[in-house]
Amino acid sequence: MKNEEKAKTMIELEVHERQELQKSMENSTPPKREVHFIEESKKYEKKEELQKQLEWKYPYESSCNIPTMTSVSKIKEIETKRNLPDLISMIEPNRIEFKKEKKVPEFLKEEVQISSARKGSLIHLCLQHINEKEEYTLAKIETLIKTFEQKQIITKKEAEVIPTKDLLDYTKSDLFHKLKQAKEIHKETPFYFDMSASEIVGKEVKEPILVQGIIDLYYIDKENHMILVDYKTDFVKKEEDLINKYQKQLEIYKRALEAATKTTVEEVYIYSVYLQKEIPVKVNSHIEP
């Protein structure tokens, strides 16, 4: 109705004035209104064709909802789910959430309970900065932690929860001994890697998703083999619990590392801080959807 001239090329309308409508209502006889298709719209006269047009759906709708980027940690969260709308909400990395942060005074900060996730991050921090060329004692481990506190990287409360004995045990482990003899050591290595969207969301879509992550450790041993290691601080009773939980994540790390270095990763391990042992993990270079 906003463009009457254009409308005339499509349909013919019968317009009834207000007075006419009021009069017809009084007589209890509703006005007859008709919309007629004319020559320019003959193709819509068939009900089947009209229904086809109204019910048409874009054939690549699922591809429109695929995010362009996600993280390895997000993939780990959703790997047991296959409902596309739910997955999209979980792996969309550009979603912005505005939260009101309650500011805590400095003198109260150390009283805040330290979460297991934060404790794990603190252990990773120490493992990252331990020098494989040194011999460590408990005093040296404590000095390292004290340095972080003095530099205000961590708080005093955080320093107190770091398990110094577990870190010392790590420096006596077979893995640490291998690192001493390694030709190259690479820690906290960030990566970006293209994966097929079908591998992540479980749908028949070909578009790639850029996956980002950080590899805790990989090294080249004395025989020129590339070894991948992921540190885990989970409290578990059995090795299988860690393997089942993180196998897919390590597959992605292996693929990303091989793609970046053009070198085969010979072995993959989880080092469990809690179990104080190196756990071999069998992974493929390609993840099946």
Protein backbone atom coordinates (compact mmCIF):
# COMPACT_ATOMS: atom_id res chain seq x y z
CA MET A 1 0.00 0.00 0.00
CA LYS A 2 3.02 2.29 0.40
CA ASN A 3 3.70 1.98 -3.30
CA GLU A 4 0.28 1.95 -4.90
CA GLU A 5 1.52 2.13 -8.48
CA LYS A 6 3.76 -0.92 -8.05
CA ALA A 7 1.02 -2.79 -6.23
CA LYS A 8 -1.29 -2.33 -9.18
CA THR A 9 1.01 -4.50 -11.33
CA MET A 10 0.51 -7.40 -8.94
CA ILE A 11 -3.01 -7.31 -7.54
CA GLU A 12 -6.33 -5.53 -7.68
CA LEU A 13 -7.70 -4.29 -4.38
CA GLU A 14 -11.17 -3.26 -3.44
CA VAL A 15 -10.95 -0.44 -0.92
CA HIS A 16 -13.88 0.16 1.40
CA GLU A 17 -14.31 3.47 3.18
CA ARG A 18 -14.91 3.71 6.90
CA GLN A 19 -18.49 4.92 6.54
CA GLU A 20 -19.29 1.96 4.32
CA LEU A 21 -17.89 -0.45 6.87
CA GLN A 22 -19.88 1.15 9.66
CA LYS A 23 -23.03 0.96 7.62
CA SER A 24 -22.43 -2.69 6.74
CA MET A 25 -21.84 -3.52 10.40
CA GLU A 26 -25.15 -2.00 11.28
CA ASN A 27 -26.82 -4.17 8.69
CA SER A 28 -24.84 -7.20 9.95
CA THR A 29 -23.68 -7.82 6.43
CA PRO A 30 -19.91 -7.74 6.11
CA PRO A 31 -18.54 -6.15 2.95
CA LYS A 32 -17.27 -8.44 0.30
CA ARG A 33 -13.51 -8.15 -0.07
CA GLU A 34 -11.58 -9.89 -2.77
CA VAL A 35 -7.96 -10.00 -3.83
CA HIS A 36 -7.47 -10.99 -7.46
CA PHE A 37 -4.27 -12.29 -9.02
CA ILE A 38 -3.64 -10.68 -12.37
CA GLU A 39 -1.42 -11.45 -15.33
CA GLU A 40 1.95 -10.56 -13.71
CA SER A 41 1.39 -13.12 -10.93
CA LYS A 42 -0.02 -16.06 -12.89
CA LYS A 43 2.84 -18.27 -11.71
CA TYR A 44 1.46 -18.12 -8.17
CA GLU A 45 -2.08 -19.16 -9.07
CA LYS A 46 -1.38 -22.82 -8.38
CA LYS A 47 -1.57 -23.69 -4.72
CA GLU A 48 1.34 -26.11 -4.96
CA GLU A 49 3.64 -23.46 -6.41
CA LEU A 50 2.64 -20.92 -3.81
CA GLN A 51 3.19 -23.42 -1.02
CA LYS A 52 6.59 -24.29 -2.44
CA GLN A 53 7.60 -20.64 -2.41
CA LEU A 54 6.37 -20.06 1.13
CA GLU A 55 8.04 -23.17 2.54
CA TRP A 56 11.36 -22.73 0.75
CA LYS A 57 14.41 -22.93 3.01
CA TYR A 58 17.96 -21.90 2.34
CA PRO A 59 19.81 -25.22 1.73
CA TYR A 60 22.99 -24.07 3.52
CA GLU A 61 21.33 -22.79 6.67
CA SER A 62 23.49 -24.93 8.97
CA SER A 63 26.64 -23.47 7.43
CA CYS A 64 25.49 -19.97 8.30
CA ASN A 65 25.49 -20.92 11.98
CA ILE A 66 28.98 -22.40 12.00
CA PRO A 67 31.43 -20.17 13.88
CA THR A 68 34.70 -19.30 12.19
CA MET A 69 36.83 -19.90 15.26
CA THR A 70 36.84 -21.87 18.52
CA SER A 71 39.26 -23.30 21.09
CA VAL A 72 40.40 -26.80 22.01
CA SER A 73 38.91 -26.44 25.49
CA LYS A 74 35.50 -25.64 23.98
CA ILE A 75 35.69 -28.68 21.72
CA LYS A 76 36.44 -30.85 24.74
CA GLU A 77 33.32 -29.52 26.46
CA ILE A 78 31.01 -30.36 23.57
CA GLU A 79 32.49 -33.55 22.14
CA THR A 80 29.70 -35.67 23.65
CA LYS A 81 26.93 -33.41 22.34
CA ARG A 82 25.63 -33.37 18.80
CA ASN A 83 22.77 -30.85 18.85
CA LEU A 84 23.80 -28.06 16.50
CA PRO A 85 22.06 -25.06 18.17
CA ASP A 86 23.52 -26.07 21.54
CA LEU A 87 26.94 -26.52 20.02
CA ILE A 88 26.90 -23.16 18.32
CA SER A 89 26.13 -21.40 21.58
CA MET A 90 29.06 -23.16 23.22
CA ILE A 91 31.74 -22.79 20.57
CA GLU A 92 31.01 -19.28 19.31
CA PRO A 93 34.13 -17.43 20.52
CA ASN A 94 33.05 -13.89 19.69
CA ARG A 95 30.06 -13.81 22.00
CA ILE A 96 30.41 -10.94 24.45
CA GLU A 97 28.91 -11.20 27.89
CA PHE A 98 28.72 -8.16 30.10
CA LYS A 99 28.94 -9.04 33.76
CA LYS A 100 29.00 -6.74 36.73
CA GLU A 101 32.23 -7.39 38.54
CA LYS A 102 32.18 -6.87 42.22
CA LYS A 103 35.42 -5.14 43.15
CA VAL A 104 37.21 -6.69 46.08
CA PRO A 105 39.50 -4.54 48.24
CA GLU A 106 43.17 -5.52 48.11
CA PHE A 107 43.25 -6.50 51.80
CA LEU A 108 40.44 -9.01 51.21
CA LYS A 109 41.71 -10.58 48.00
CA GLU A 110 43.87 -13.16 49.70
CA GLU A 111 40.88 -14.43 51.64
CA VAL A 112 39.11 -15.50 48.44
CA GLN A 113 38.93 -19.28 48.00
CA ILE A 114 41.31 -20.50 45.29
CA SER A 115 39.54 -22.76 42.82
CA SER A 116 40.89 -26.05 41.49
CA ALA A 117 41.18 -24.50 38.02
CA ARG A 118 43.27 -21.64 39.39
CA LYS A 119 45.44 -24.07 41.35
CA GLY A 120 46.02 -25.98 38.12
CA SER A 121 47.08 -22.76 36.40
CA LEU A 122 49.55 -22.06 39.22
CA ILE A 123 51.13 -25.50 38.81
CA HIS A 124 51.38 -24.97 35.04
CA LEU A 125 53.11 -21.65 35.70
CA CYS A 126 55.77 -23.39 37.79
CA LEU A 127 56.24 -26.22 35.28
CA GLN A 128 56.70 -23.66 32.54
CA HIS A 129 59.52 -21.91 34.40
CA ILE A 130 61.37 -24.89 35.84
CA ASN A 131 64.74 -25.12 34.11
CA GLU A 132 65.49 -28.64 32.90
CA LYS A 133 69.23 -27.94 33.00
CA GLU A 134 69.20 -27.44 36.77
CA GLU A 135 69.12 -29.80 39.72
CA TYR A 136 66.28 -28.93 42.09
CA THR A 137 65.79 -29.20 45.82
CA LEU A 138 62.69 -28.31 47.80
CA ALA A 139 64.35 -25.01 48.74
CA LYS A 140 64.89 -24.15 45.06
CA ILE A 141 61.25 -24.88 44.25
CA GLU A 142 60.16 -22.63 47.13
CA THR A 143 62.51 -19.88 45.91
CA LEU A 144 60.98 -20.06 42.44
CA ILE A 145 57.48 -19.68 43.88
CA LYS A 146 58.65 -16.83 46.13
CA THR A 147 59.98 -15.03 43.05
CA PHE A 148 56.53 -15.15 41.44
CA GLU A 149 55.05 -13.69 44.61
CA GLN A 150 57.65 -10.90 44.81
CA LYS A 151 57.00 -9.97 41.19
CA GLN A 152 53.26 -9.87 42.02
CA ILE A 153 52.53 -12.57 39.46
CA ILE A 154 50.75 -14.51 42.21
CA THR A 155 49.46 -13.63 45.67
CA LYS A 156 50.76 -14.93 48.97
CA LYS A 157 47.65 -17.09 49.35
CA GLU A 158 48.21 -18.59 45.89
CA ALA A 159 51.86 -19.29 46.70
CA GLU A 160 50.78 -21.25 49.77
CA VAL A 161 48.53 -23.67 47.82
CA ILE A 162 51.14 -24.68 45.23
CA PRO A 163 52.18 -28.30 45.98
CA THR A 164 55.96 -27.92 46.23
CA LYS A 165 56.57 -31.63 46.84
CA ASP A 166 54.69 -32.58 43.64
CA LEU A 167 56.87 -30.14 41.71
CA LEU A 168 60.01 -31.58 43.28
CA ASP A 169 58.84 -35.09 42.35
CA TYR A 170 58.41 -33.89 38.78
CA THR A 171 62.09 -32.87 38.67
CA LYS A 172 62.98 -36.42 39.69
CA SER A 173 60.71 -38.06 37.10
CA ASP A 174 61.66 -40.00 33.96
CA LEU A 175 60.16 -37.20 31.85
CA PHE A 176 62.39 -34.58 33.46
CA HIS A 177 65.41 -36.83 32.90
CA LYS A 178 64.48 -37.13 29.20
CA LEU A 179 64.16 -33.35 28.95
CA LYS A 180 67.67 -32.95 30.34
CA GLN A 181 68.95 -34.95 27.36
CA ALA A 182 66.64 -33.39 24.78
CA LYS A 183 68.01 -31.44 21.80
CA GLU A 184 65.10 -28.97 21.79
CA ILE A 185 62.41 -28.06 24.34
CA HIS A 186 59.32 -26.00 23.47
CA LYS A 187 56.86 -24.88 26.16
CA GLU A 188 53.51 -23.10 26.06
CA THR A 189 53.39 -23.07 22.25
CA PRO A 190 50.24 -21.41 20.82
CA PHE A 191 48.76 -22.76 17.60
CA TYR A 192 45.96 -22.14 15.10
CA PHE A 193 44.68 -25.07 13.10
CA ASP A 194 41.88 -25.59 10.56
CA MET A 195 39.44 -28.42 11.29
CA SER A 196 36.40 -29.52 9.35
CA ALA A 197 33.22 -28.24 10.99
CA SER A 198 31.71 -31.72 10.64
CA GLU A 199 34.34 -33.08 13.05
CA ILE A 200 33.24 -30.63 15.72
CA VAL A 201 29.49 -30.22 15.34
CA GLY A 202 28.70 -33.61 13.84
CA LYS A 203 26.85 -32.21 10.82
CA GLU A 204 27.41 -32.65 7.11
CA VAL A 205 29.10 -29.31 6.58
CA LYS A 206 32.36 -28.79 4.74
CA GLU A 207 33.36 -25.37 6.07
CA PRO A 208 36.54 -25.21 8.16
CA ILE A 209 36.69 -23.86 11.70
CA LEU A 210 39.87 -22.24 12.97
CA VAL A 211 40.83 -23.94 16.25
CA GLN A 212 43.20 -22.28 18.68
CA GLY A 213 45.04 -23.75 21.65
CA ILE A 214 48.31 -23.94 23.56
CA ILE A 215 50.58 -27.00 23.69
CA ASP A 216 52.14 -27.39 27.15
CA LEU A 217 55.30 -29.10 25.98
CA TYR A 218 56.92 -30.77 23.02
CA TYR A 219 60.54 -31.68 22.60
CA ILE A 220 63.04 -33.29 20.24
CA ASP A 221 64.79 -36.17 21.98
CA LYS A 222 68.36 -37.31 21.48
CA GLU A 223 67.24 -39.59 18.63
CA ASN A 224 65.51 -36.68 16.81
CA HIS A 225 62.01 -37.92 17.65
CA MET A 226 59.30 -35.34 18.37
CA ILE A 227 57.47 -36.02 21.64
CA LEU A 228 54.26 -34.28 22.73
CA VAL A 229 53.41 -33.87 26.43
CA ASP A 230 50.37 -32.38 28.16
CA TYR A 231 50.46 -31.59 31.88
CA LYS A 232 47.33 -32.48 33.85
CA THR A 233 46.55 -31.59 37.46
CA ASP A 234 43.22 -33.47 37.78
CA PHE A 235 42.61 -35.50 40.92
CA VAL A 236 42.08 -38.98 39.49
CA LYS A 237 42.45 -42.56 40.71
CA LYS A 238 43.26 -44.26 37.43
CA GLU A 239 45.28 -43.44 34.33
CA GLU A 240 42.31 -44.40 32.14
CA ASP A 241 40.29 -41.52 33.55
CA LEU A 242 42.77 -39.01 32.14
CA ILE A 243 43.17 -40.85 28.83
CA ASN A 244 39.40 -41.03 28.22
CA LYS A 245 38.92 -37.39 29.16
CA TYR A 246 41.75 -35.86 27.13
CA GLN A 247 42.39 -38.22 24.20
CA LYS A 248 40.49 -36.09 21.66
CA GLN A 249 42.26 -32.96 22.86
CA LEU A 250 45.65 -34.60 22.38
CA GLU A 251 44.65 -35.77 18.90
CA ILE A 252 44.06 -32.15 17.95
CA TYR A 253 47.39 -31.10 19.46
CA LYS A 254 49.17 -33.85 17.52
CA ARG A 255 47.54 -32.89 14.23
CA ALA A 256 48.26 -29.20 14.76
CA LEU A 257 51.89 -29.83 15.66
CA GLU A 258 52.46 -32.13 12.71
CA ALA A 259 50.84 -29.64 10.33
CA ALA A 260 52.97 -26.78 11.68
CA THR A 261 56.31 -28.58 11.78
CA LYS A 262 55.83 -31.00 8.87
CA THR A 263 57.22 -33.63 11.23
CA THR A 264 55.60 -36.77 12.63
CA VAL A 265 54.91 -36.78 16.36
CA GLU A 266 56.31 -40.13 17.47
CA GLU A 267 54.87 -40.30 20.98
CA VAL A 268 52.18 -38.56 23.02
CA TYR A 269 52.06 -38.45 26.82
CA ILE A 270 50.05 -37.01 29.68
CA TYR A 271 52.11 -36.11 32.72
CA SER A 272 49.84 -36.42 35.74
CA VAL A 273 51.00 -34.19 38.59
CA TYR A 274 48.62 -35.93 40.97
CA LEU A 275 49.67 -39.48 40.00
CA GLN A 276 53.28 -38.32 39.57
CA LYS A 277 53.77 -40.30 36.38
CA GLU A 278 54.05 -40.10 32.62
CA ILE A 279 51.12 -41.78 30.85
CA PRO A 280 51.39 -42.84 27.17
CA VAL A 281 48.36 -42.00 25.04
CA LYS A 282 47.57 -43.62 21.70
CA VAL A 283 46.13 -41.06 19.30
CA ASN A 284 45.56 -40.82 15.57
CA SER A 285 46.74 -38.05 13.33
CA HIS A 286 43.20 -37.63 12.02
CA ILE A 287 40.04 -37.35 14.11
CA GLU A 288 37.06 -39.21 12.73
CA PRO A 289 33.75 -37.27 13.14
